Amino acid sequence: MLRRNILLTTLAVLIPNFVLASEQTKTLKIGVTAGLHAQILEQVLPIAKKNGLNIKIVEFQDYVQPNAALAAGDLDVNIFQTKPFLDAANRDRGYDLVPVGETITFPMAFYSKKYSNLSDLPNKSTLGIPNDPSQGGRALILLASQGLIKLKDSKNLLSSPLDIVSNPHHYNIIELEAAQLPHSLSDLDAAAINGNYASAAGLNPSKDGILIEDPNGPYVNHIVVRAQDKNQPWVKPLIQSYQQPQIHDFILKTFKGAVIPAF
């Protein structure tokens, strides 16, 4: 009887521990834009595994669907966007999404297949910028920083072409889908291209850009979750898994200035 009681006690201890260990392994569906974000997150997978997280990467080809999928509950997390972009999505679409950790910065740059220097751009040049409010505003602020245009409010991150109050070079500024800008370079005099799309097109801002954004700005990309999940026990381990020295070094070595760690 004594041996039986000892065995039952031992099983009673082991079974809860086994259940706890199983519960500690959390599977997260994380949405990213295809390309650099996906490539970096692949490096995070084994670190996250050690921290009790299984990650399923879901790739998207645009900037709209990752937030829609997260808000709908089809994702647990997304990693692809800046705070200004997130703020605009929350305001315009009624989402309740929050940033919980910083990841990387893609310095925006203007590129050209026709001109090798900014000073070579002639009057009445046609310049392409992204057509979403946060990235388009970012491009306009970049132009304004060089005195090429003047904006109604140079600190308004959501400035649009309608906010241009002075355009001394008479630039024709057209808004295009961000993903299409690299493919439209031949038809434009220059275009402002986001870092991930630039990299996918073989463009490096530090080597190929004719006007490059200062990386120390408000355009850091974030780990984003639904507001209701911000205190979930898996959030901190996910952030810690991403913000590791080996991930920092991988980014610097792999992308050579096209991507800058924000941690």
Protein backbone atom coordinates (compact mmCIF):
# COMPACT_ATOMS: atom_id res chain seq x y z
CA MET A 1 0.00 0.00 0.00
CA LEU A 2 2.87 2.36 0.87
CA ARG A 3 4.55 1.76 -2.48
CA ARG A 4 1.20 2.39 -4.26
CA ASN A 5 0.71 5.71 -2.44
CA ILE A 6 4.25 6.80 -3.33
CA LEU A 7 3.63 5.94 -7.00
CA LEU A 8 0.35 7.87 -7.07
CA THR A 9 1.99 10.88 -5.41
CA THR A 10 4.82 10.79 -7.95
CA LEU A 11 2.35 10.67 -10.86
CA ALA A 12 0.36 13.53 -9.35
CA VAL A 13 3.52 15.65 -9.38
CA LEU A 14 4.69 14.64 -12.85
CA ILE A 15 1.39 15.02 -14.70
CA PRO A 16 0.84 18.71 -13.83
CA ASN A 17 4.47 19.42 -14.72
CA PHE A 18 4.01 17.71 -18.08
CA VAL A 19 0.83 19.68 -18.75
CA LEU A 20 2.59 22.91 -17.73
CA ALA A 21 5.49 22.20 -20.09
CA SER A 22 3.05 21.62 -22.93
CA GLU A 23 1.21 24.84 -22.17
CA GLN A 24 4.47 26.79 -22.12
CA THR A 25 5.01 26.13 -25.83
CA LYS A 26 2.98 28.80 -27.61
CA THR A 27 2.47 28.84 -31.37
CA LEU A 28 2.25 32.33 -32.85
CA LYS A 29 1.15 33.26 -36.36
CA ILE A 30 3.20 36.30 -37.32
CA GLY A 31 2.48 38.32 -40.45
CA VAL A 32 5.32 40.04 -42.30
CA THR A 33 5.81 41.58 -45.70
CA ALA A 34 7.75 39.32 -48.05
CA GLY A 35 11.46 40.00 -48.29
CA LEU A 36 13.62 41.45 -45.54
CA HIS A 37 11.11 41.22 -42.70
CA ALA A 38 10.55 37.55 -43.48
CA GLN A 39 14.29 36.93 -43.83
CA ILE A 40 15.05 38.47 -40.45
CA LEU A 41 12.20 36.67 -38.72
CA GLU A 42 13.56 33.35 -40.03
CA GLN A 43 16.68 34.03 -37.95
CA VAL A 44 14.53 34.60 -34.87
CA LEU A 45 12.81 31.20 -35.06
CA PRO A 46 15.42 29.06 -33.23
CA ILE A 47 15.84 31.68 -30.51
CA ALA A 48 12.09 31.89 -30.02
CA LYS A 49 11.92 28.08 -29.88
CA LYS A 50 14.28 28.12 -26.91
CA ASN A 51 12.03 30.72 -25.29
CA GLY A 52 8.98 28.46 -25.62
CA LEU A 53 7.53 29.96 -28.80
CA ASN A 54 6.76 28.25 -32.08
CA ILE A 55 6.41 30.80 -34.88
CA LYS A 56 4.53 30.34 -38.11
CA ILE A 57 5.52 33.03 -40.61
CA VAL A 58 2.76 34.35 -42.89
CA GLU A 59 4.01 36.50 -45.77
CA PHE A 60 2.04 39.31 -47.41
CA GLN A 61 2.69 41.27 -50.59
CA ASP A 62 1.18 44.57 -49.49
CA TYR A 63 0.85 46.86 -46.48
CA VAL A 64 -2.92 46.56 -46.03
CA GLN A 65 -3.62 42.89 -45.37
CA PRO A 66 -1.26 42.30 -42.40
CA ASN A 67 -3.21 44.75 -40.23
CA ALA A 68 -6.57 43.51 -41.48
CA ALA A 69 -5.57 39.92 -40.68
CA LEU A 70 -4.28 40.86 -37.23
CA ALA A 71 -7.40 42.84 -36.35
CA ALA A 72 -9.58 39.93 -37.52
CA GLY A 73 -7.70 37.46 -35.32
CA ASP A 74 -6.14 35.53 -38.21
CA LEU A 75 -2.70 36.55 -36.90
CA ASP A 76 -1.32 36.93 -33.39
CA VAL A 77 1.33 39.48 -34.36
CA ASN A 78 2.58 41.42 -37.32
CA ILE A 79 6.01 42.92 -37.95
CA PHE A 80 6.24 45.28 -40.90
CA GLN A 81 5.17 48.83 -40.06
CA THR A 82 6.16 52.18 -38.61
CA LYS A 83 4.23 53.95 -35.85
CA PRO A 84 2.85 56.65 -38.23
CA PHE A 85 1.53 53.93 -40.54
CA LEU A 86 -0.02 52.06 -37.62
CA ASP A 87 -1.62 55.24 -36.26
CA ALA A 88 -3.17 55.94 -39.66
CA ALA A 89 -4.51 52.37 -39.94
CA ASN A 90 -6.04 52.53 -36.47
CA ARG A 91 -7.66 55.87 -37.21
CA ASP A 92 -8.90 55.13 -40.71
CA ARG A 93 -10.01 51.52 -40.25
CA GLY A 94 -11.02 51.45 -36.59
CA TYR A 95 -8.38 48.92 -35.54
CA ASP A 96 -7.16 48.63 -31.96
CA LEU A 97 -3.56 47.58 -32.59
CA VAL A 98 -0.56 48.56 -30.48
CA PRO A 99 3.23 48.47 -30.85
CA VAL A 100 5.06 46.45 -28.21
CA GLY A 101 8.68 46.39 -29.42
CA GLU A 102 11.04 48.03 -31.91
CA THR A 103 12.70 46.08 -34.71
CA ILE A 104 14.44 47.80 -37.64
CA THR A 105 14.55 50.94 -39.73
CA PHE A 106 14.56 50.95 -43.53
CA PRO A 107 15.99 54.33 -44.54
CA MET A 108 13.83 55.69 -47.37
CA ALA A 109 15.66 57.09 -50.37
CA PHE A 110 14.93 58.61 -53.75
CA TYR A 111 16.36 56.57 -56.61
CA SER A 112 16.74 57.36 -60.28
CA LYS A 113 17.75 55.48 -63.40
CA LYS A 114 18.27 58.74 -65.28
CA TYR A 115 20.25 60.91 -62.87
CA SER A 116 23.11 60.04 -60.56
CA ASN A 117 22.90 63.13 -58.36
CA LEU A 118 20.09 65.06 -56.76
CA SER A 119 21.40 68.29 -58.26
CA ASP A 120 20.95 66.83 -61.76
CA LEU A 121 17.17 66.62 -61.45
CA PRO A 122 15.74 69.16 -63.92
CA ASN A 123 12.77 71.41 -63.34
CA LYS A 124 9.42 69.74 -63.99
CA SER A 125 10.82 66.31 -63.10
CA THR A 126 8.24 63.62 -62.40
CA LEU A 127 8.76 62.17 -58.94
CA GLY A 128 6.97 59.08 -57.65
CA ILE A 129 6.06 58.69 -53.98
CA PRO A 130 4.12 55.96 -52.10
CA ASN A 131 0.37 56.43 -52.12
CA ASP A 132 -0.29 55.58 -48.47
CA PRO A 133 -0.46 58.59 -46.13
CA SER A 134 2.43 57.77 -43.79
CA GLN A 135 4.95 56.71 -46.44
CA GLY A 136 3.92 59.43 -48.87
CA GLY A 137 4.29 62.02 -46.13
CA ARG A 138 7.68 60.57 -45.33
CA ALA A 139 8.82 61.10 -48.92
CA LEU A 140 7.56 64.68 -48.97
CA ILE A 141 9.32 65.47 -45.70
CA LEU A 142 12.50 64.08 -47.23
CA LEU A 143 12.15 66.45 -50.20
CA ALA A 144 11.35 69.34 -47.87
CA SER A 145 14.43 68.60 -45.75
CA GLN A 146 16.56 69.56 -48.77
CA GLY A 147 14.54 72.69 -49.57
CA LEU A 148 13.21 71.17 -52.77
CA ILE A 149 9.62 71.80 -51.69
CA LYS A 150 7.98 73.52 -48.73
CA LEU A 151 5.17 71.96 -46.74
CA LYS A 152 2.40 73.61 -44.78
CA ASP A 153 3.69 71.80 -41.68
CA SER A 154 7.08 70.15 -42.00
CA LYS A 155 6.42 68.09 -38.86
CA ASN A 156 3.18 66.60 -40.13
CA LEU A 157 4.09 62.98 -40.84
CA LEU A 158 0.91 62.52 -42.87
CA SER A 159 1.53 65.40 -45.27
CA SER A 160 0.16 64.91 -48.79
CA PRO A 161 0.85 66.66 -52.10
CA LEU A 162 -2.05 68.96 -51.18
CA ASP A 163 0.08 70.27 -48.30
CA ILE A 164 2.84 71.54 -50.59
CA VAL A 165 2.88 75.35 -50.36
CA SER A 166 5.97 75.94 -52.47
CA ASN A 167 7.33 73.89 -55.37
CA PRO A 168 9.99 76.11 -56.96
CA HIS A 169 11.22 73.37 -59.33
CA HIS A 170 7.67 72.61 -60.48
CA TYR A 171 8.06 68.91 -59.78
CA ASN A 172 5.21 66.70 -60.91
CA ILE A 173 4.65 64.50 -57.87
CA ILE A 174 2.58 61.38 -58.48
CA GLU A 175 1.41 58.81 -55.96
CA LEU A 176 1.80 55.11 -56.75
CA GLU A 177 1.45 51.83 -54.87
CA ALA A 178 4.67 51.44 -52.87
CA ALA A 179 5.39 47.99 -54.30
CA GLN A 180 5.12 49.33 -57.86
CA LEU A 181 7.60 52.18 -57.48
CA PRO A 182 10.75 50.11 -58.21
CA HIS A 183 9.12 48.82 -61.41
CA SER A 184 8.14 52.35 -62.42
CA LEU A 185 11.61 53.87 -62.13
CA SER A 186 12.18 53.76 -65.88
CA ASP A 187 9.06 55.89 -66.41
CA LEU A 188 9.93 58.41 -63.69
CA ASP A 189 12.76 60.84 -63.16
CA ALA A 190 13.08 59.64 -59.56
CA ALA A 191 11.05 57.79 -56.95
CA ALA A 192 10.97 57.48 -53.17
CA ILE A 193 11.16 53.77 -52.40
CA ASN A 194 10.75 52.04 -49.05
CA GLY A 195 13.74 50.03 -47.89
CA ASN A 196 12.17 46.58 -48.17
CA TYR A 197 10.96 47.17 -51.73
CA ALA A 198 14.26 48.81 -52.64
CA SER A 199 16.19 45.80 -51.39
CA ALA A 200 13.96 43.39 -53.30
CA ALA A 201 14.77 45.40 -56.43
CA GLY A 202 18.52 45.26 -55.74
CA LEU A 203 18.76 48.87 -54.58
CA ASN A 204 20.78 49.97 -51.56
CA PRO A 205 20.07 53.47 -50.17
CA SER A 206 23.66 54.15 -49.15
CA LYS A 207 25.00 53.20 -52.60
CA ASP A 208 22.20 53.93 -55.05
CA GLY A 209 20.10 56.65 -53.45
CA ILE A 210 20.34 60.22 -54.71
CA LEU A 211 18.58 61.50 -51.57
CA ILE A 212 18.69 59.44 -48.38
CA GLU A 213 16.69 59.77 -45.20
CA ASP A 214 18.40 60.24 -41.85
CA PRO A 215 17.87 56.88 -40.06
CA ASN A 216 17.35 58.58 -36.68
CA GLY A 217 13.70 59.46 -37.08
CA PRO A 218 10.17 58.29 -36.31
CA TYR A 219 10.19 55.49 -38.88
CA VAL A 220 11.25 52.54 -36.78
CA ASN A 221 9.31 49.34 -37.54
CA HIS A 222 7.48 47.64 -34.69
CA ILE A 223 6.22 44.34 -33.36
CA VAL A 224 2.45 44.90 -33.26
CA VAL A 225 -0.36 43.05 -31.46
CA ARG A 226 -4.02 43.59 -30.69
CA ALA A 227 -4.45 45.88 -27.68
CA GLN A 228 -6.19 43.07 -25.78
CA ASP A 229 -3.05 40.91 -26.15
CA LYS A 230 -0.36 43.40 -25.15
CA ASN A 231 0.05 41.82 -21.69
CA GLN A 232 -0.07 38.21 -22.83
CA PRO A 233 2.78 36.12 -21.35
CA TRP A 234 4.23 35.41 -24.81
CA VAL A 235 4.78 39.08 -25.69
CA LYS A 236 7.98 39.66 -23.70
CA PRO A 237 9.63 36.39 -24.83
CA LEU A 238 8.87 37.33 -28.44
CA ILE A 239 10.43 40.78 -28.07
CA GLN A 240 13.47 39.30 -26.30
CA SER A 241 13.86 36.68 -29.03
CA TYR A 242 13.94 39.36 -31.71
CA GLN A 243 16.10 41.89 -29.89
CA GLN A 244 19.12 39.62 -29.53
CA PRO A 245 22.75 40.58 -30.27
CA GLN A 246 23.01 37.86 -32.91
CA ILE A 247 19.98 39.27 -34.75
CA HIS A 248 21.49 42.76 -34.53
CA ASP A 249 24.75 41.47 -36.02
CA PHE A 250 22.96 39.45 -38.72
CA ILE A 251 21.11 42.57 -39.88
CA LEU A 252 24.26 44.70 -40.06
CA LYS A 253 26.30 42.04 -41.83
CA THR A 254 23.62 40.91 -44.27
CA PHE A 255 22.08 44.19 -45.40
CA LYS A 256 25.12 46.50 -45.28
CA GLY A 257 23.32 49.70 -44.39
CA ALA A 258 20.04 49.04 -46.21
CA VAL A 259 18.52 48.01 -42.88
CA ILE A 260 19.43 49.39 -39.45
CA PRO A 261 18.64 47.59 -36.15
CA ALA A 262 16.61 49.72 -33.74
CA PHE A 263 17.67 47.75 -30.68
